Amino acid sequence: MYFTLLTPNSTPIFKYIVWILGKIMEGLFFVLDKIGIPNIGIAIILFTIFVNVCLIPLTYKQQKFSKLSLKMNPEIKAIQKKYNGKKDQDSMMKMQAETQAVYAKYGVSQAGSCVTLLIQFPILIALYRVIYQVPAYVTKIGDTFRVLANQIVATDNGAFITENTAELASVKSAISMYSKNLAKEGNLTNGIIDVLNRVSTSDMAQISEHYGLADCTINGQQILSTLDASGKVVTKGLLDTYNNFLGLNIVNSPINIIKESFASHAYLLMIMAILIPLLSGFSQWLSIKLSPSQPQAAGDNSTADSMAQSMKTMNVMMPLMSVWFAFTFPAGMGIYWTANAVVRIVLQIFMNKRIDKIDINELIEKNAEKSKKKLEQIQANQERMQAYAAMNTRSIQKKASYVNTAASDDKDIEEVNKPTNYAPGSLAAKANMVNEFNKRNSK
C-alpha cells in the first residue's frame, strides 16, 4: 500500500475536508509561531480541541440517541416479543409501524445514529491524514524539510538513503510506505520529504553527516540540531523546536525512542515514551466506559445478543489496538489519540449531565405535538397536491375538447370546399363555375 504525502488528495468530497482541516492546522501553527511557541505537539492538541468543539452538535445528537435508546429498549423488546415467530408480511409491517411509533414518541430516528457516524467518519479520517502528514499541510514545516531534500537530491538523488536501508531502520520503514514517490519522475523531492518526516533521531544524524545537512539553514536559522559525541544536543535546530514535545521527538515512534533512550541511558525519556501508548489506551477505554450503552438492533433476541457481545468485544479490543498502534506509529499520533479521548471524556461528562436532566414525559408531549403538526402539514400538502392535480386534469380535458372541436370544424370546411367532379356541360358544372368565379372576384 502506498501513501502520497505532499500530493493533494484527489478523492471526491474527501479532498475538500482534508484541505479545510489542513488550513485550520496551518492557521493554528501560524498563531503559535507568532507568539513564539511553534510546536507541532501543541498544535495537534489545539487542533483536536477545535475539531471536537465543532462536532459538538453531532456528538450531542449521537449521545442523546444512545441515552434515549436505553429507555426505549424495553418498549422495543416488547414489540419484538409480541411479533416473535411471525414472519408474514402483514405482521412484519405492523411490527415496523409500531417500532417507528416508539422512535417518534421519543423524538429520535432509527437511522439517526448511523447518519451521525457517516458524517463524522470522513472528518475523522481526514484528521488522521493531516496529523500524520503535517509537512503537507503546514507550509512552514514543509519548506523547512524541502531545503534538506533539495540538497540530498543535488548530491546523489537520495542514493545513500535508498541503498542503506539495512543500517537505517526507520528509513527502511518509510521507504516501504513512500517508494512510489521516490520512483515517480519529477516527484523525488517530495518522496524524500516523506521519508525525512519519518526518520528517527539517530538515522537523521547519519543522513545529516553523509550529506552535510548540519549547515543547512532557512531564513538564517539552522534546520538540524548539532549533537556532541554522546548524542547530546549542543545547538537546537528548527525541526527539533517544531517536533519536541515534553522532551520527545514526536516524529519518532515510542519504540524507537525507547531503544535510543535505553542506549543513551535517558531513562526519563524512555518512561515518557512508554506512557504515551498506555495513556492512549487508558483514555480510549475510559471514554468508552463513559459513553451511553449502544442500542440493540431490532430483530430477534439472538441477533440482539450477538450484536451486544460483538460490541463488548470491540470495546475491549479498541483500547488494546490503540496501545499497539501508538507504540509503532509516530508519537504525535499517540498524543492525538490521547488528546482526542480526553476532550471527548470532558464533553461526555457535560453532555451526560445535560441529557440526564431531560424530562422524558415532557419530551414525549413535545414530540407528540411535533408529530401532530407534521401530520397536519403532510395532510395540507396532500390536499394542495390533489387540488392542483384536479385543476390540471380539468385544464387538459378542456384543451382536448377545444382541439377536437377545432378539428371537427376544419373537417366540415374541408368537406364543403372539397373539389367535386361534375359531368362536363351539366347544369351542376356550370353552377360550380359561377361559384368559383364569384369567389375569385370577392378576393
Protein backbone atom coordinates (compact mmCIF):
# COMPACT_ATOMS: atom_id res chain seq x y z
CA MET A 1 0.00 0.00 0.00
CA TYR A 2 1.46 3.39 -0.97
CA PHE A 3 0.92 6.75 0.65
CA THR A 4 1.41 10.12 -1.02
CA LEU A 5 2.25 12.84 1.44
CA LEU A 6 2.81 16.03 -0.49
CA THR A 7 0.42 15.32 -3.36
CA PRO A 8 -3.06 16.78 -2.67
CA ASN A 9 -5.77 14.22 -2.01
CA SER A 10 -8.00 13.74 -5.06
CA THR A 11 -10.83 11.67 -3.56
CA PRO A 12 -14.19 13.37 -4.30
CA ILE A 13 -15.63 15.29 -1.33
CA PHE A 14 -12.95 13.87 0.99
CA LYS A 15 -10.24 16.05 -0.57
CA TYR A 16 -12.18 19.19 0.39
CA ILE A 17 -12.47 18.05 4.02
CA VAL A 18 -8.73 17.34 4.16
CA TRP A 19 -7.98 20.73 2.57
CA ILE A 20 -10.15 22.58 5.10
CA LEU A 21 -8.67 20.75 8.09
CA GLY A 22 -5.18 21.30 6.70
CA LYS A 23 -5.83 25.04 6.54
CA ILE A 24 -7.05 25.01 10.16
CA MET A 25 -3.89 23.16 11.24
CA GLU A 26 -1.71 25.63 9.36
CA GLY A 27 -3.58 28.56 10.92
CA LEU A 28 -3.07 27.19 14.44
CA PHE A 29 0.65 26.63 13.82
CA PHE A 30 0.93 30.16 12.37
CA VAL A 31 -0.55 31.64 15.57
CA LEU A 32 1.75 29.53 17.76
CA ASP A 33 4.73 30.65 15.68
CA LYS A 34 3.76 34.30 16.06
CA ILE A 35 3.58 34.01 19.86
CA GLY A 36 6.94 32.24 19.99
CA ILE A 37 5.95 28.58 20.54
CA PRO A 38 5.99 26.93 17.09
CA ASN A 39 5.35 23.40 18.33
CA ILE A 40 3.57 20.66 16.40
CA GLY A 41 2.57 18.77 19.57
CA ILE A 42 0.74 21.81 20.95
CA ALA A 43 -0.77 22.47 17.51
CA ILE A 44 -2.11 18.89 17.42
CA ILE A 45 -3.76 19.29 20.85
CA LEU A 46 -5.36 22.64 19.90
CA PHE A 47 -6.41 21.18 16.56
CA THR A 48 -8.07 18.23 18.30
CA ILE A 49 -9.93 20.51 20.72
CA PHE A 50 -11.09 22.81 17.90
CA VAL A 51 -12.46 19.98 15.72
CA ASN A 52 -14.20 18.27 18.66
CA VAL A 53 -15.86 21.54 19.66
CA CYS A 54 -17.09 21.98 16.07
CA LEU A 55 -18.53 18.46 16.18
CA ILE A 56 -20.43 19.04 19.44
CA PRO A 57 -23.88 19.21 17.73
CA LEU A 58 -23.33 15.83 16.03
CA THR A 59 -21.77 14.29 19.13
CA TYR A 60 -24.62 15.52 21.33
CA LYS A 61 -27.18 14.11 18.91
CA GLN A 62 -25.43 10.75 18.97
CA GLN A 63 -25.16 10.74 22.78
CA LYS A 64 -28.82 11.71 23.12
CA PHE A 65 -29.82 8.91 20.76
CA SER A 66 -27.83 6.39 22.82
CA LYS A 67 -29.30 7.61 26.12
CA LEU A 68 -32.88 7.61 24.88
CA SER A 69 -32.34 4.20 23.30
CA LEU A 70 -31.71 2.78 26.75
CA LYS A 71 -35.16 4.00 27.79
CA MET A 72 -36.76 2.81 24.54
CA ASN A 73 -35.29 -0.69 24.62
CA PRO A 74 -37.97 -2.20 26.93
CA GLU A 75 -40.72 -0.98 24.59
CA ILE A 76 -38.83 -2.16 21.51
CA LYS A 77 -38.25 -5.57 23.07
CA ALA A 78 -41.94 -5.82 23.99
CA ILE A 79 -42.86 -5.23 20.33
CA GLN A 80 -40.29 -7.80 19.19
CA LYS A 81 -41.69 -10.33 21.68
CA LYS A 82 -45.24 -9.59 20.53
CA TYR A 83 -44.38 -10.49 16.92
CA ASN A 84 -41.76 -13.13 17.68
CA GLY A 85 -42.04 -16.02 15.22
CA LYS A 86 -44.47 -14.17 12.93
CA LYS A 87 -42.86 -13.88 9.52
CA ASP A 88 -45.86 -13.00 7.36
CA GLN A 89 -45.81 -9.65 5.57
CA ASP A 90 -48.75 -8.20 7.49
CA SER A 91 -47.14 -8.93 10.89
CA MET A 92 -43.77 -7.56 9.75
CA MET A 93 -45.37 -4.33 8.56
CA LYS A 94 -47.29 -3.94 11.82
CA MET A 95 -44.11 -4.53 13.86
CA GLN A 96 -42.24 -1.95 11.80
CA ALA A 97 -45.07 0.58 12.20
CA GLU A 98 -45.21 0.09 15.98
CA THR A 99 -41.41 0.35 16.23
CA GLN A 100 -41.43 3.59 14.25
CA ALA A 101 -44.15 4.91 16.55
CA VAL A 102 -41.87 4.31 19.58
CA TYR A 103 -38.98 6.15 17.92
CA ALA A 104 -41.31 9.04 17.04
CA LYS A 105 -42.57 9.07 20.63
CA TYR A 106 -39.02 9.71 21.91
CA GLY A 107 -38.15 12.07 19.08
CA VAL A 108 -35.31 10.08 17.51
CA SER A 109 -34.79 8.43 14.16
CA GLN A 110 -33.97 4.76 13.64
CA ALA A 111 -31.15 5.77 11.33
CA GLY A 112 -30.17 8.83 13.39
CA SER A 113 -27.04 7.34 14.96
CA CYS A 114 -25.87 5.84 11.65
CA VAL A 115 -26.26 9.15 9.81
CA THR A 116 -24.27 10.95 12.52
CA LEU A 117 -21.48 8.38 12.29
CA LEU A 118 -21.45 8.60 8.49
CA ILE A 119 -20.97 12.37 8.73
CA GLN A 120 -18.23 12.07 11.35
CA PHE A 121 -16.32 9.25 9.64
CA PRO A 122 -14.76 11.21 6.73
CA ILE A 123 -13.87 14.04 9.14
CA LEU A 124 -12.03 11.63 11.45
CA ILE A 125 -10.17 10.03 8.53
CA ALA A 126 -9.18 13.49 7.29
CA LEU A 127 -7.93 14.31 10.79
CA TYR A 128 -5.56 11.34 10.70
CA ARG A 129 -4.21 12.38 7.32
CA VAL A 130 -3.48 15.94 8.42
CA ILE A 131 -1.85 14.94 11.73
CA TYR A 132 0.11 12.03 10.22
CA GLN A 133 1.36 14.18 7.34
CA VAL A 134 1.93 17.64 8.83
CA PRO A 135 4.57 18.88 6.30
CA ALA A 136 1.99 18.51 3.51
CA TYR A 137 -0.39 20.96 5.18
CA VAL A 138 1.77 23.31 7.26
CA THR A 139 3.75 25.30 4.69
CA LYS A 140 6.48 26.46 7.03
CA ILE A 141 7.36 22.92 8.09
CA GLY A 142 7.16 21.62 4.52
CA ASP A 143 9.51 24.38 3.30
CA THR A 144 11.99 23.55 6.07
CA PHE A 145 12.12 19.89 5.02
CA ARG A 146 12.40 20.94 1.36
CA VAL A 147 15.75 22.67 1.96
CA LEU A 148 17.16 19.36 3.23
CA ALA A 149 15.55 17.36 0.43
CA ASN A 150 16.93 19.68 -2.26
CA GLN A 151 20.48 19.22 -1.00
CA ILE A 152 20.04 15.44 -0.89
CA VAL A 153 18.74 15.37 -4.46
CA ALA A 154 21.55 17.65 -5.65
CA THR A 155 24.16 15.36 -4.04
CA ASP A 156 23.20 11.87 -5.23
CA ASN A 157 19.43 11.82 -5.86
CA GLY A 158 18.95 10.14 -2.49
CA ALA A 159 21.07 7.09 -3.33
CA PHE A 160 22.58 6.92 0.17
CA ILE A 161 19.10 6.82 1.70
CA THR A 162 17.64 4.23 -0.65
CA GLU A 163 20.71 1.97 -0.68
CA ASN A 164 21.42 1.81 3.06
CA THR A 165 18.06 0.78 4.43
CA ALA A 166 19.66 -2.18 6.27
CA GLU A 167 21.51 0.23 8.58
CA LEU A 168 18.76 2.84 8.71
CA ALA A 169 15.74 1.01 10.18
CA SER A 170 13.33 3.97 10.26
CA VAL A 171 14.33 4.87 6.69
CA LYS A 172 13.53 1.33 5.56
CA SER A 173 10.07 1.58 7.08
CA ALA A 174 9.45 4.98 5.49
CA ILE A 175 10.67 3.87 2.06
CA SER A 176 8.34 0.86 2.16
CA MET A 177 5.47 3.35 2.52
CA TYR A 178 6.64 6.05 0.11
CA SER A 179 8.58 4.09 -2.53
CA LYS A 180 6.05 5.17 -5.14
CA ASN A 181 7.00 8.81 -4.60
CA LEU A 182 10.72 8.04 -4.77
CA ALA A 183 10.29 6.18 -8.06
CA LYS A 184 7.94 8.70 -9.65
CA GLU A 185 9.65 11.01 -12.14
CA GLY A 186 9.59 14.65 -11.05
CA ASN A 187 8.43 13.74 -7.53
CA LEU A 188 11.73 12.67 -5.97
CA THR A 189 11.99 15.72 -3.71
CA ASN A 190 8.52 15.15 -2.30
CA GLY A 191 9.33 11.48 -1.77
CA ILE A 192 12.46 12.36 0.21
CA ILE A 193 10.47 14.82 2.34
CA ASP A 194 8.04 11.98 3.05
CA VAL A 195 10.94 9.81 4.21
CA LEU A 196 12.68 12.52 6.27
CA ASN A 197 9.44 13.19 8.13
CA ARG A 198 9.50 9.57 9.37
CA VAL A 199 13.22 9.26 10.17
CA SER A 200 14.34 8.62 13.76
CA THR A 201 16.80 10.95 15.50
CA SER A 202 19.74 8.53 15.20
CA ASP A 203 19.09 7.82 11.50
CA MET A 204 18.70 11.54 10.78
CA ALA A 205 22.12 12.11 12.38
CA GLN A 206 23.72 9.62 9.94
CA ILE A 207 21.92 11.15 6.95
CA SER A 208 22.95 14.61 8.07
CA GLU A 209 26.60 13.58 8.39
CA HIS A 210 26.67 11.97 4.92
CA TYR A 211 25.03 14.90 3.13
CA GLY A 212 26.45 17.71 5.26
CA LEU A 213 22.98 18.87 6.29
CA ALA A 214 24.21 20.42 9.55
CA ASP A 215 24.96 23.64 7.68
CA CYS A 216 21.52 23.90 6.06
CA THR A 217 19.58 26.98 7.11
CA ILE A 218 16.29 28.65 6.23
CA ASN A 219 15.80 32.37 6.83
CA GLY A 220 19.14 32.36 8.65
CA GLN A 221 18.10 29.65 11.14
CA GLN A 222 19.78 26.26 11.46
CA ILE A 223 17.43 23.42 10.48
CA LEU A 224 19.01 20.41 12.22
CA SER A 225 20.40 20.30 15.73
CA THR A 226 24.12 19.97 16.34
CA LEU A 227 24.99 16.98 18.55
CA ASP A 228 28.11 16.17 20.54
CA ALA A 229 29.86 12.79 20.59
CA SER A 230 27.42 11.42 23.20
CA GLY A 231 24.40 12.47 21.15
CA LYS A 232 23.52 15.40 23.38
CA VAL A 233 22.08 18.48 21.64
CA VAL A 234 24.56 21.37 21.51
CA THR A 235 22.66 23.71 19.20
CA LYS A 236 18.93 23.21 18.76
CA GLY A 237 17.67 23.28 15.18
CA LEU A 238 14.28 24.33 13.82
CA LEU A 239 12.97 20.80 13.31
CA ASP A 240 13.73 19.89 16.92
CA THR A 241 11.91 23.04 18.01
CA TYR A 242 8.90 22.10 15.91
CA ASN A 243 8.85 18.41 16.87
CA ASN A 244 9.93 18.49 20.52
CA PHE A 245 7.08 17.84 22.95
CA LEU A 246 7.98 17.42 26.63
CA GLY A 247 11.44 16.29 25.55
CA LEU A 248 10.17 13.76 22.99
CA ASN A 249 10.63 13.98 19.25
CA ILE A 250 7.04 13.33 18.12
CA VAL A 251 8.22 12.21 14.67
CA ASN A 252 9.85 9.18 16.31
CA SER A 253 7.75 6.18 17.27
CA PRO A 254 7.77 5.34 21.01
CA ILE A 255 9.56 2.06 20.18
CA ASN A 256 12.42 3.97 18.54
CA ILE A 257 12.50 6.47 21.39
CA ILE A 258 12.71 3.62 23.93
CA LYS A 259 15.61 2.00 22.04
CA GLU A 260 17.54 5.25 21.68
CA SER A 261 16.83 6.31 25.28
CA PHE A 262 17.98 2.96 26.63
CA ALA A 263 21.23 3.15 24.62
CA SER A 264 21.93 6.68 25.88
CA HIS A 265 20.68 5.92 29.45
CA ALA A 266 17.97 8.59 29.12
CA TYR A 267 15.54 6.65 31.28
CA LEU A 268 13.15 9.55 31.87
CA LEU A 269 12.53 9.86 28.14
CA MET A 270 12.07 6.10 27.95
CA ILE A 271 9.39 6.23 30.67
CA MET A 272 7.60 9.08 28.86
CA ALA A 273 7.74 7.12 25.60
CA ILE A 274 6.09 4.17 27.36
CA LEU A 275 3.44 6.40 28.93
CA ILE A 276 2.16 7.76 25.59
CA PRO A 277 0.70 4.43 24.34
CA LEU A 278 -0.53 3.48 27.82
CA LEU A 279 -2.31 6.83 28.24
CA SER A 280 -3.74 6.45 24.75
CA GLY A 281 -5.22 3.04 25.56
CA PHE A 282 -6.47 4.05 29.01
CA SER A 283 -8.13 7.25 27.76
CA GLN A 284 -9.82 5.28 24.96
CA TRP A 285 -11.11 2.73 27.49
CA LEU A 286 -12.37 5.44 29.85
CA SER A 287 -14.12 7.25 27.01
CA ILE A 288 -15.94 4.03 26.05
CA LYS A 289 -16.95 3.39 29.67
CA LEU A 290 -18.45 6.87 29.97
CA SER A 291 -20.33 6.57 26.69
CA PRO A 292 -24.00 5.56 26.90
CA SER A 293 -24.56 1.89 26.05
CA GLN A 294 -25.22 1.36 22.39
CA PRO A 295 -28.81 0.45 21.44
CA GLN A 296 -29.54 -3.07 20.40
CA ALA A 297 -30.58 -3.71 16.85
CA ALA A 298 -34.17 -4.50 16.03
CA GLY A 299 -34.64 -8.19 15.41
CA ASP A 300 -34.89 -11.42 17.33
CA ASN A 301 -33.21 -11.78 20.72
CA SER A 302 -30.39 -13.98 19.39
CA THR A 303 -29.40 -11.29 16.89
CA ALA A 304 -29.51 -8.56 19.54
CA ASP A 305 -27.47 -10.67 21.98
CA SER A 306 -24.92 -11.43 19.27
CA MET A 307 -24.53 -7.75 18.40
CA ALA A 308 -24.25 -6.81 22.08
CA GLN A 309 -21.48 -9.38 22.54
CA SER A 310 -19.67 -8.11 19.43
CA MET A 311 -19.89 -4.56 20.76
CA LYS A 312 -18.49 -5.68 24.12
CA THR A 313 -15.56 -7.36 22.38
CA MET A 314 -14.88 -4.25 20.30
CA ASN A 315 -14.92 -2.09 23.43
CA VAL A 316 -12.07 -4.21 24.80
CA MET A 317 -10.14 -4.60 21.55
CA MET A 318 -10.15 -0.93 20.51
CA PRO A 319 -8.12 0.35 23.51
CA LEU A 320 -5.66 -2.55 23.10
CA MET A 321 -5.26 -1.77 19.40
CA SER A 322 -4.75 1.88 20.31
CA VAL A 323 -1.86 0.88 22.62
CA TRP A 324 -0.22 -1.21 19.90
CA PHE A 325 -0.58 1.42 17.17
CA ALA A 326 0.63 4.18 19.49
CA PHE A 327 3.84 2.17 20.10
CA THR A 328 4.57 1.70 16.39
CA PHE A 329 3.25 4.98 14.89
CA PRO A 330 4.94 8.38 15.39
CA ALA A 331 4.49 9.69 18.95
CA GLY A 332 2.39 12.54 17.51
CA MET A 333 -0.38 10.07 16.71
CA GLY A 334 -0.40 8.80 20.30
CA ILE A 335 -0.61 12.40 21.52
CA TYR A 336 -3.55 12.97 19.19
CA TRP A 337 -5.40 9.82 20.33
CA THR A 338 -4.88 10.74 23.98
CA ALA A 339 -5.93 14.37 23.48
CA ASN A 340 -8.95 13.33 21.45
CA ALA A 341 -10.09 10.83 24.09
CA VAL A 342 -9.60 13.35 26.93
CA VAL A 343 -11.60 16.02 25.08
CA ARG A 344 -14.40 13.52 24.38
CA ILE A 345 -14.42 12.44 28.04
CA VAL A 346 -14.88 16.06 29.17
CA LEU A 347 -17.62 16.63 26.58
CA GLN A 348 -19.34 13.35 27.50
CA ILE A 349 -19.46 14.29 31.19
CA PHE A 350 -21.21 17.58 30.40
CA MET A 351 -23.48 16.01 27.78
CA ASN A 352 -24.48 13.14 30.07
CA LYS A 353 -25.44 15.62 32.78
CA ARG A 354 -27.49 17.62 30.31
CA ILE A 355 -29.20 14.55 28.85
CA ASP A 356 -29.93 13.12 32.32
CA LYS A 357 -31.92 16.29 33.09
CA ILE A 358 -34.29 15.65 30.20
CA ASP A 359 -37.87 15.09 31.40
CA ILE A 360 -38.99 12.06 29.40
CA ASN A 361 -42.71 12.79 29.85
CA GLU A 362 -42.22 16.38 28.73
CA LEU A 363 -40.15 15.16 25.79
CA ILE A 364 -42.89 12.72 24.78
CA GLU A 365 -45.51 15.51 24.93
CA LYS A 366 -43.37 17.78 22.76
CA ASN A 367 -42.76 15.01 20.25
CA ALA A 368 -46.49 14.19 20.17
CA GLU A 369 -47.20 17.85 19.38
CA LYS A 370 -44.48 17.86 16.70
CA SER A 371 -45.87 14.66 15.18
CA LYS A 372 -49.37 16.17 15.15
CA LYS A 373 -48.15 19.34 13.39
CA LYS A 374 -46.11 17.29 10.97
CA LEU A 375 -49.13 15.12 10.16
CA GLU A 376 -51.28 18.22 9.63
CA GLN A 377 -48.64 19.67 7.33
CA ILE A 378 -48.46 16.42 5.34
CA GLN A 379 -52.26 16.34 5.02
CA ALA A 380 -52.33 20.00 3.92
CA ASN A 381 -49.66 19.32 1.31
CA GLN A 382 -51.59 16.29 0.07
CA GLU A 383 -54.78 18.36 -0.24
CA ARG A 384 -52.94 21.07 -2.18
CA MET A 385 -51.43 18.46 -4.48
CA GLN A 386 -54.84 16.86 -5.06
CA ALA A 387 -56.41 20.26 -5.84
CA TYR A 388 -53.56 21.09 -8.20
CA ALA A 389 -53.90 17.69 -9.90
CA ALA A 390 -57.66 18.19 -10.31
CA MET A 391 -57.13 21.66 -11.77
CA ASN A 392 -54.57 20.32 -14.24
CA THR A 393 -56.95 17.50 -15.19
CA ARG A 394 -59.76 19.97 -15.97
CA SER A 395 -57.38 22.12 -17.97
CA ILE A 396 -56.21 19.13 -20.00
CA GLN A 397 -59.78 17.98 -20.64
CA LYS A 398 -60.82 21.48 -21.73
CA LYS A 399 -57.86 21.74 -24.07
CA ALA A 400 -58.63 18.33 -25.55
CA SER A 401 -62.26 19.34 -26.11
CA TYR A 402 -61.17 22.54 -27.86
CA VAL A 403 -58.77 20.65 -30.11
CA ASN A 404 -61.45 18.10 -31.03
CA THR A 405 -63.99 20.88 -31.85
CA ALA A 406 -61.46 22.75 -33.95
CA ALA A 407 -60.58 19.59 -35.80
CA SER A 408 -64.28 18.90 -36.45
CA ASP A 409 -64.81 22.44 -37.81
CA ASP A 410 -61.80 22.13 -40.06
CA LYS A 411 -63.14 18.84 -41.32
CA ASP A 412 -66.54 20.39 -42.12
CA ILE A 413 -64.89 23.23 -44.01
CA GLU A 414 -62.74 20.77 -45.86
CA GLU A 415 -65.81 18.78 -46.81
CA VAL A 416 -67.56 21.95 -48.08
CA ASN A 417 -64.54 23.10 -50.06
CA LYS A 418 -63.63 19.67 -51.29
CA PRO A 419 -63.44 19.67 -55.11
CA THR A 420 -66.17 17.61 -56.85
CA ASN A 421 -66.09 16.10 -60.33
CA TYR A 422 -69.12 17.16 -62.38
CA ALA A 423 -70.14 15.99 -65.84
CA PRO A 424 -68.92 18.50 -68.45
CA GLY A 425 -71.72 20.75 -69.76
CA SER A 426 -74.09 19.77 -66.96
CA LEU A 427 -76.09 22.33 -65.02
CA ALA A 428 -74.12 21.45 -61.82
CA ALA A 429 -70.80 22.03 -63.63
CA LYS A 430 -71.96 25.44 -64.88
CA ALA A 431 -73.20 26.39 -61.38
CA ASN A 432 -69.82 25.41 -59.93
CA MET A 433 -68.01 27.56 -62.49
CA VAL A 434 -70.17 30.55 -61.49
CA ASN A 435 -69.38 29.86 -57.80
CA GLU A 436 -65.60 29.74 -58.43
CA PHE A 437 -65.85 32.97 -60.47
CA ASN A 438 -67.66 34.76 -57.64
CA LYS A 439 -65.01 33.54 -55.07
CA ARG A 440 -62.15 34.94 -57.17
CA ASN A 441 -63.91 38.28 -57.66
CA SER A 442 -64.67 38.54 -53.91
CA LYS A 443 -60.92 38.15 -53.11
